[in-house]
PDB file of N, CA and C in Angstrom:
ATOM      1  N   MET A   1       2.444 -11.209  -1.447  1.00  0.00           N
ATOM      2  CA  MET A   1       2.255 -11.934   0.119  1.00  0.00           C
ATOM      3  C   MET A   1       0.966 -10.976   0.601  1.00  0.00           C
ATOM      4  N   LYS A   2       0.628 -11.705   0.946  1.00  0.00           N
ATOM      5  CA  LYS A   2      -1.161 -11.355   1.144  1.00  0.00           C
ATOM      6  C   LYS A   2      -0.733 -10.276   2.621  1.00  0.00           C
ATOM      7  N   LYS A   3       0.279 -10.050   3.375  1.00  0.00           N
ATOM      8  CA  LYS A   3       0.136  -9.422   4.294  1.00  0.00           C
ATOM      9  C   LYS A   3       0.562  -7.856   3.767  1.00  0.00           C
ATOM     10  N   PHE A   4       0.770  -7.806   2.408  1.00  0.00           N
ATOM     11  CA  PHE A   4       1.195  -6.606   1.719  1.00  0.00           C
ATOM     12  C   PHE A   4      -0.075  -5.940   1.203  1.00  0.00           C
ATOM     13  N   ASP A   5      -0.440  -6.915   0.312  1.00  0.00           N
ATOM     14  CA  ASP A   5      -1.983  -6.060  -0.554  1.00  0.00           C
ATOM     15  C   ASP A   5      -3.026  -5.796   0.289  1.00  0.00           C
ATOM     16  N   LYS A   6      -2.925  -6.567   2.210  1.00  0.00           N
ATOM     17  CA  LYS A   6      -4.184  -6.645   2.752  1.00  0.00           C
ATOM     18  C   LYS A   6      -3.334  -5.444   2.864  1.00  0.00           C
ATOM     19  N   ALA A   7      -2.608  -4.630   3.076  1.00  0.00           N
ATOM     20  CA  ALA A   7      -1.465  -3.788   3.752  1.00  0.00           C
ATOM     21  C   ALA A   7      -1.695  -2.575   3.042  1.00  0.00           C
ATOM     22  N   PHE A   8      -1.394  -2.540   1.563  1.00  0.00           N
ATOM     23  CA  PHE A   8      -1.838  -1.863   0.398  1.00  0.00           C
ATOM     24  C   PHE A   8      -3.044  -1.268  -0.117  1.00  0.00           C
ATOM     25  N   ASN A   9      -4.114  -2.431   0.475  1.00  0.00           N
ATOM     26  CA  ASN A   9      -5.604  -1.944  -0.141  1.00  0.00           C
ATOM     27  C   ASN A   9      -6.102  -0.712   1.044  1.00  0.00           C
ATOM     28  N   TYR A  10      -5.166  -1.097   2.065  1.00  0.00           N
ATOM     29  CA  TYR A  10      -5.593  -0.493   3.165  1.00  0.00           C
ATOM     30  C   TYR A  10      -5.634   0.703   3.213  1.00  0.00           C
ATOM     31  N   GLU A  11      -3.951   1.426   2.744  1.00  0.00           N
ATOM     32  CA  GLU A  11      -3.424   2.125   2.467  1.00  0.00           C
ATOM     33  C   GLU A  11      -4.412   3.693   1.748  1.00  0.00           C
ATOM     34  N   ILE A  12      -4.035   2.561   0.512  1.00  0.00           N
ATOM     35  CA  ILE A  12      -4.315   3.246  -1.063  1.00  0.00           C
ATOM     36  C   ILE A  12      -5.640   4.382  -0.799  1.00  0.00           C
ATOM     37  N   GLN A  13      -6.656   3.527   0.160  1.00  0.00           N
ATOM     38  CA  GLN A  13      -7.574   3.862   0.510  1.00  0.00           C
ATOM     39  C   GLN A  13      -7.495   5.468   1.050  1.00  0.00           C
ATOM     40  N   GLN A  14      -6.425   6.218   2.587  1.00  0.00           N
ATOM     41  CA  GLN A  14      -6.165   6.942   2.918  1.00  0.00           C
ATOM     42  C   GLN A  14      -6.354   7.795   2.240  1.00  0.00           C
ATOM     43  N   LYS A  15      -7.213   9.056   2.662  1.00  0.00           N
ATOM     44  CA  LYS A  15      -7.039  10.276   2.118  1.00  0.00           C
ATOM     45  C   LYS A  15      -6.203  10.517   2.856  1.00  0.00           C
ATOM     46  N   THR A  16      -5.279  10.412   4.205  1.00  0.00           N
ATOM     47  CA  THR A  16      -3.741  10.893   4.104  1.00  0.00           C
ATOM     48  C   THR A  16      -2.683  10.438   3.635  1.00  0.00           C
ATOM     49  N   ASN A  17      -3.336   9.411   2.575  1.00  0.00           N
ATOM     50  CA  ASN A  17      -2.012   9.287   1.858  1.00  0.00           C
ATOM     51  C   ASN A  17      -1.753   9.702   0.349  1.00  0.00           C
ATOM     52  N   TRP A  18      -2.872  11.080   0.114  1.00  0.00           N
ATOM     53  CA  TRP A  18      -3.655  11.329  -1.189  1.00  0.00           C
ATOM     54  C   TRP A  18      -2.487  12.957  -1.183  1.00  0.00           C
ATOM     55  N   HIS A  19      -2.829  13.170  -1.913  1.00  0.00           N
ATOM     56  CA  HIS A  19      -2.624  14.542  -1.858  1.00  0.00           C
ATOM     57  C   HIS A  19      -2.554  15.427  -3.609  1.00  0.00           C
ATOM     58  N   PHE A  20      -3.041  16.519  -3.662  1.00  0.00           N
ATOM     59  CA  PHE A  20      -3.214  16.552  -5.177  1.00  0.00           C
ATOM     60  C   PHE A  20      -3.973  15.443  -5.896  1.00  0.00           C
ATOM     61  N   GLY A  21      -4.571  14.875  -5.085  1.00  0.00           N
ATOM     62  CA  GLY A  21      -5.204  13.903  -6.735  1.00  0.00           C
ATOM     63  C   GLY A  21      -4.497  12.926  -6.842  1.00  0.00           C
ATOM     64  N   LYS A  22      -3.690  12.451  -6.108  1.00  0.00           N
ATOM     65  CA  LYS A  22      -2.168  11.552  -6.736  1.00  0.00           C
ATOM     66  C   LYS A  22      -1.889  10.433  -4.828  1.00  0.00           C
ATOM     67  N   PRO A  23      -1.621   9.426  -5.409  1.00  0.00           N
ATOM     68  CA  PRO A  23      -1.238   9.034  -4.341  1.00  0.00           C
ATOM     69  C   PRO A  23       0.658   8.987  -4.308  1.00  0.00           C
ATOM     70  N   VAL A  24       0.320   8.787  -2.576  1.00  0.00           N
ATOM     71  CA  VAL A  24       1.539   9.989  -2.220  1.00  0.00           C
ATOM     72  C   VAL A  24       2.831   8.237  -1.687  1.00  0.00           C
ATOM     73  N   GLN A  25       3.082   7.952  -2.512  1.00  0.00           N
ATOM     74  CA  GLN A  25       3.974   6.452  -2.710  1.00  0.00           C
ATOM     75  C   GLN A  25       4.616   6.695  -1.123  1.00  0.00           C
ATOM     76  N   THR A  26       5.447   6.977  -0.920  1.00  0.00           N
ATOM     77  CA  THR A  26       6.937   7.268  -0.097  1.00  0.00           C
ATOM     78  C   THR A  26       5.613   7.297   1.123  1.00  0.00           C
ATOM     79  N   ARG A  27       4.756   8.270   1.549  1.00  0.00           N
ATOM     80  CA  ARG A  27       4.052   8.183   2.679  1.00  0.00           C
ATOM     81  C   ARG A  27       2.908   6.232   2.799  1.00  0.00           C
ATOM     82  N   ILE A  28       1.999   5.689   1.473  1.00  0.00           N
ATOM     83  CA  ILE A  28       2.349   4.828   1.207  1.00  0.00           C
ATOM     84  C   ILE A  28       3.219   3.716   2.043  1.00  0.00           C
ATOM     85  N   ASP A  29       4.578   3.736   1.264  1.00  0.00           N
ATOM     86  CA  ASP A  29       5.744   2.548   2.010  1.00  0.00           C
ATOM     87  C   ASP A  29       5.511   2.724   2.997  1.00  0.00           C
ATOM     88  N   LEU A  30       6.054   3.946   3.319  1.00  0.00           N
ATOM     89  CA  LEU A  30       5.857   3.673   5.150  1.00  0.00           C
ATOM     90  C   LEU A  30       5.124   3.482   6.102  1.00  0.00           C
ATOM     91  N   ASN A  31       4.046   3.482   5.604  1.00  0.00           N
ATOM     92  CA  ASN A  31       2.619   2.951   6.412  1.00  0.00           C
ATOM     93  C   ASN A  31       3.047   1.145   6.390  1.00  0.00           C
ATOM     94  N   ILE A  32       2.769   0.984   4.783  1.00  0.00           N
ATOM     95  CA  ILE A  32       3.319   0.048   4.564  1.00  0.00           C
ATOM     96  C   ILE A  32       3.804  -1.182   5.017  1.00  0.00           C
ATOM     97  N   TRP A  33       5.486  -0.451   5.688  1.00  0.00           N
ATOM     98  CA  TRP A  33       6.428  -1.093   6.306  1.00  0.00           C
ATOM     99  C   TRP A  33       6.189  -1.150   7.501  1.00  0.00           C
ATOM    100  N   ARG A  34       5.884  -0.048   8.150  1.00  0.00           N
ATOM    101  CA  ARG A  34       5.181   0.291   9.553  1.00  0.00           C
ATOM    102  C   ARG A  34       4.623  -1.012   9.640  1.00  0.00           C
ATOM    103  N   THR A  35       3.623  -1.247   8.925  1.00  0.00           N
ATOM    104  CA  THR A  35       2.523  -3.003   9.187  1.00  0.00           C
ATOM    105  C   THR A  35       3.046  -3.807   9.155  1.00  0.00           C
ATOM    106  N   LEU A  36       3.743  -3.886   8.428  1.00  0.00           N
ATOM    107  CA  LEU A  36       4.570  -5.252   7.777  1.00  0.00           C
ATOM    108  C   LEU A  36       5.548  -5.731   9.194  1.00  0.00           C
ATOM    109  N   PHE A  37       5.778  -4.263   9.761  1.00  0.00           N
ATOM    110  CA  PHE A  37       7.232  -4.723  10.745  1.00  0.00           C
ATOM    111  C   PHE A  37       6.316  -5.206  12.150  1.00  0.00           C
ATOM    112  N   LEU A  38       5.544  -4.422  12.295  1.00  0.00           N
ATOM    113  CA  LEU A  38       4.650  -4.517  13.352  1.00  0.00           C
ATOM    114  C   LEU A  38       4.199  -6.023  14.191  1.00  0.00           C
ATOM    115  N   GLN A  39       2.810  -5.956  12.538  1.00  0.00           N
ATOM    116  CA  GLN A  39       2.047  -7.401  12.722  1.00  0.00           C
ATOM    117  C   GLN A  39       3.266  -9.051  12.957  1.00  0.00           C
ATOM    118  N   ASP A  40       3.914  -8.809  12.482  1.00  0.00           N
ATOM    119  CA  ASP A  40       5.351 -10.505  12.322  1.00  0.00           C
ATOM    120  C   ASP A  40       6.240 -10.007  12.605  1.00  0.00           C
ATOM    121  N   ASN A  41       7.211  -9.073  13.475  1.00  0.00           N
ATOM    122  CA  ASN A  41       8.268  -9.175  13.069  1.00  0.00           C
ATOM    123  C   ASN A  41       9.005 -10.086  13.348  1.00  0.00           C
ATOM    124  N   ALA A  42       8.638 -10.849  13.829  1.00  0.00           N
ATOM    125  CA  ALA A  42       9.435 -12.568  14.266  1.00  0.00           C
ATOM    126  C   ALA A  42       9.137 -13.440  13.462  1.00  0.00           C
ATOM    127  N   GLY A  43       8.607 -13.201  11.851  1.00  0.00           N
ATOM    128  CA  GLY A  43       8.380 -13.858  11.047  1.00  0.00           C
ATOM    129  C   GLY A  43       8.932 -13.386   9.890  1.00  0.00           C
ATOM    130  N   ILE A  44       9.142 -11.968   9.364  1.00  0.00           N
ATOM    131  CA  ILE A  44      10.186 -11.756   8.828  1.00  0.00           C
ATOM    132  C   ILE A  44      10.901 -10.476   8.558  1.00  0.00           C
ATOM    133  N   THR A  45      12.217 -10.023   8.516  1.00  0.00           N
ATOM    134  CA  THR A  45      12.886  -9.859   8.265  1.00  0.00           C
ATOM    135  C   THR A  45      13.125  -8.445   7.829  1.00  0.00           C
ATOM    136  N   VAL A  46      13.729  -6.930   8.342  1.00  0.00           N
ATOM    137  CA  VAL A  46      13.589  -5.928   7.985  1.00  0.00           C
ATOM    138  C   VAL A  46      13.536  -6.021   6.494  1.00  0.00           C
ATOM    139  N   ARG A  47      14.639  -6.362   6.021  1.00  0.00           N
ATOM    140  CA  ARG A  47      15.644  -7.000   4.251  1.00  0.00           C
ATOM    141  C   ARG A  47      14.480  -7.643   4.088  1.00  0.00           C
ATOM    142  N   GLN A  48      13.455  -8.761   4.231  1.00  0.00           N
ATOM    143  CA  GLN A  48      12.529  -9.301   3.148  1.00  0.00           C
ATOM    144  C   GLN A  48      11.173  -8.487   3.848  1.00  0.00           C
ATOM    145  N   ILE A  49      11.072  -7.584   4.374  1.00  0.00           N
ATOM    146  CA  ILE A  49       9.778  -6.223   3.587  1.00  0.00           C
ATOM    147  C   ILE A  49      10.768  -5.397   3.082  1.00  0.00           C
ATOM    148  N   ASP A  50      11.401  -4.639   2.831  1.00  0.00           N
ATOM    149  CA  ASP A  50      11.990  -4.149   2.198  1.00  0.00           C
ATOM    150  C   ASP A  50      12.035  -4.762   0.553  1.00  0.00           C
ATOM    151  N   LYS A  51      12.381  -5.789   0.427  1.00  0.00           N
ATOM    152  CA  LYS A  51      12.152  -6.525  -0.822  1.00  0.00           C
ATOM    153  C   LYS A  51      10.860  -7.178  -0.794  1.00  0.00           C
ATOM    154  N   VAL A  52       9.793  -7.158  -0.182  1.00  0.00           N
ATOM    155  CA  VAL A  52       8.279  -7.377  -0.540  1.00  0.00           C
ATOM    156  C   VAL A  52       7.677  -5.353  -1.575  1.00  0.00           C
ATOM    157  N   ILE A  53       8.097  -4.969  -0.407  1.00  0.00           N
ATOM    158  CA  ILE A  53       7.741  -3.574  -0.584  1.00  0.00           C
ATOM    159  C   ILE A  53       7.987  -3.300  -2.338  1.00  0.00           C
ATOM    160  N   ALA A  54      10.060  -2.938  -2.724  1.00  0.00           N
ATOM    161  CA  ALA A  54      10.404  -3.161  -3.487  1.00  0.00           C
ATOM    162  C   ALA A  54       9.740  -3.856  -4.989  1.00  0.00           C
ATOM    163  N   GLU A  55       8.986  -4.712  -4.925  1.00  0.00           N
ATOM    164  CA  GLU A  55       8.871  -5.502  -5.118  1.00  0.00           C
ATOM    165  C   GLU A  55       7.266  -5.515  -6.253  1.00  0.00           C
ATOM    166  N   GLU A  56       6.425  -5.013  -4.937  1.00  0.00           N
ATOM    167  CA  GLU A  56       4.787  -4.896  -4.760  1.00  0.00           C
ATOM    168  C   GLU A  56       4.309  -3.581  -5.280  1.00  0.00           C
ATOM    169  N   LEU A  57       5.098  -2.515  -4.676  1.00  0.00           N
ATOM    170  CA  LEU A  57       4.537  -1.380  -4.786  1.00  0.00           C
ATOM    171  C   LEU A  57       3.945  -0.968  -5.723  1.00  0.00           C
ATOM    172  N   ASP A  58       5.723  -0.400  -6.678  1.00  0.00           N
ATOM    173  CA  ASP A  58       4.860   0.150  -7.803  1.00  0.00           C
ATOM    174  C   ASP A  58       3.697  -0.569  -8.913  1.00  0.00           C
ATOM    175  N   ASP A  59       3.813  -1.381  -8.682  1.00  0.00           N
ATOM    176  CA  ASP A  59       3.009  -2.088  -9.566  1.00  0.00           C
ATOM    177  C   ASP A  59       1.824  -2.277  -8.931  1.00  0.00           C
ATOM    178  N   SER A  60       1.442  -1.687  -7.175  1.00  0.00           N
ATOM    179  CA  SER A  60       0.314  -1.832  -7.176  1.00  0.00           C
ATOM    180  C   SER A  60      -0.123  -0.162  -7.283  1.00  0.00           C
ATOM    181  N   ILE A  61       0.485   0.304  -7.379  1.00  0.00           N
ATOM    182  CA  ILE A  61      -0.212   2.260  -7.141  1.00  0.00           C
ATOM    183  C   ILE A  61      -0.218   2.325  -8.587  1.00  0.00           C
ATOM    184  N   ASN A  62       0.945   1.145  -9.784  1.00  0.00           N
ATOM    185  CA  ASN A  62       0.127   1.842 -11.039  1.00  0.00           C
ATOM    186  C   ASN A  62      -0.764   0.858 -10.882  1.00  0.00           C
ATOM    187  N   HIS A  63      -2.118  -0.132 -10.740  1.00  0.00           N
ATOM    188  CA  HIS A  63      -2.926  -0.573 -11.322  1.00  0.00           C
ATOM    189  C   HIS A  63      -3.525   0.607 -11.219  1.00  0.00           C
ATOM    190  N   PHE A  64      -3.783   2.192 -10.074  1.00  0.00           N
ATOM    191  CA  PHE A  64      -4.725   2.125 -10.410  1.00  0.00           C
ATOM    192  C   PHE A  64      -4.250   3.693 -11.226  1.00  0.00           C
ATOM    193  N   ALA A  65      -3.384   3.719 -11.088  1.00  0.00           N
ATOM    194  CA  ALA A  65      -3.416   4.956 -11.985  1.00  0.00           C
ATOM    195  C   ALA A  65      -4.332   5.891 -12.777  1.00  0.00           C
ATOM    196  N   GLY A  66      -4.305   7.121 -12.820  1.00  0.00           N
ATOM    197  CA  GLY A  66      -5.124   8.032 -12.758  1.00  0.00           C
ATOM    198  C   GLY A  66      -6.459   7.659 -12.540  1.00  0.00           C
ATOM    199  N   GLN A  67      -6.674   7.227 -11.434  1.00  0.00           N
ATOM    200  CA  GLN A  67      -7.868   7.041 -10.586  1.00  0.00           C
ATOM    201  C   GLN A  67      -7.402   8.231  -9.352  1.00  0.00           C
ATOM    202  N   THR A  68      -8.480   8.783  -8.987  1.00  0.00           N
ATOM    203  CA  THR A  68      -9.451   9.700  -8.233  1.00  0.00           C
ATOM    204  C   THR A  68      -9.686   8.318  -6.941  1.00  0.00           C
ATOM    205  N   LEU A  69      -9.447   9.079  -5.640  1.00  0.00           N
ATOM    206  CA  LEU A  69      -9.396   8.098  -4.361  1.00  0.00           C
ATOM    207  C   LEU A  69     -10.479   7.795  -4.850  1.00  0.00           C
ATOM    208  N   GLU A  70     -11.651   8.759  -4.963  1.00  0.00           N
ATOM    209  CA  GLU A  70     -13.422   8.202  -4.757  1.00  0.00           C
ATOM    210  C   GLU A  70     -13.345   6.970  -5.099  1.00  0.00           C
ATOM    211  N   GLN A  71     -12.708   6.839  -6.983  1.00  0.00           N
ATOM    212  CA  GLN A  71     -12.801   5.639  -7.603  1.00  0.00           C
ATOM    213  C   GLN A  71     -11.653   4.430  -6.880  1.00  0.00           C
ATOM    214  N   VAL A  72     -10.854   4.631  -6.642  1.00  0.00           N
ATOM    215  CA  VAL A  72     -10.268   3.317  -5.811  1.00  0.00           C
ATOM    216  C   VAL A  72     -11.029   3.062  -4.746  1.00  0.00           C
ATOM    217  N   GLN A  73     -11.910   3.832  -3.649  1.00  0.00           N
ATOM    218  CA  GLN A  73     -12.287   2.982  -3.011  1.00  0.00           C
ATOM    219  C   GLN A  73     -13.215   2.692  -3.267  1.00  0.00           C
ATOM    220  N   ALA A  74     -14.401   3.118  -3.768  1.00  0.00           N
ATOM    221  CA  ALA A  74     -15.149   2.301  -5.397  1.00  0.00           C
ATOM    222  C   ALA A  74     -14.902   0.649  -5.641  1.00  0.00           C
ATOM    223  N   TYR A  75     -13.664   0.325  -6.598  1.00  0.00           N
ATOM    224  CA  TYR A  75     -13.436  -0.547  -6.400  1.00  0.00           C
ATOM    225  C   TYR A  75     -13.294  -1.449  -5.215  1.00  0.00           C
ATOM    226  N   PHE A  76     -13.000  -1.144  -4.274  1.00  0.00           N
ATOM    227  CA  PHE A  76     -12.852  -1.916  -2.595  1.00  0.00           C
ATOM    228  C   PHE A  76     -13.930  -2.500  -2.026  1.00  0.00           C
ATOM    229  N   ASP A  77     -14.701  -1.007  -2.730  1.00  0.00           N
ATOM    230  CA  ASP A  77     -15.798  -1.500  -1.604  1.00  0.00           C
ATOM    231  C   ASP A  77     -17.410  -2.049  -2.807  1.00  0.00           C
ATOM    232  N   GLU A  78     -16.515  -2.380  -4.321  1.00  0.00           N
ATOM    233  CA  GLU A  78     -17.589  -2.894  -5.382  1.00  0.00           C
ATOM    234  C   GLU A  78     -16.876  -4.778  -5.271  1.00  0.00           C
ATOM    235  N   ALA A  79     -16.106  -4.567  -4.633  1.00  0.00           N
ATOM    236  CA  ALA A  79     -14.802  -6.228  -4.091  1.00  0.00           C
ATOM    237  C   ALA A  79     -15.636  -6.785  -3.534  1.00  0.00           C
TER     238      ALA A  79
END
């Protein structure tokens, strides 16, 4: 889902979503949920949002496992 990817890419780069050098999955989850709900709450149900996050978030965070915030930000700057 493109909207999830866009929300995740934004949230993983936010310093406030990192603690002790690691991304805080619960904070990222909540912020993505809010973004998806507020962007398109007429076109996507709460259950659909929950399902997309459950299916996508772990893999998306694992993609950056072991990296620092600066490395993640540099990855997106280069893209």
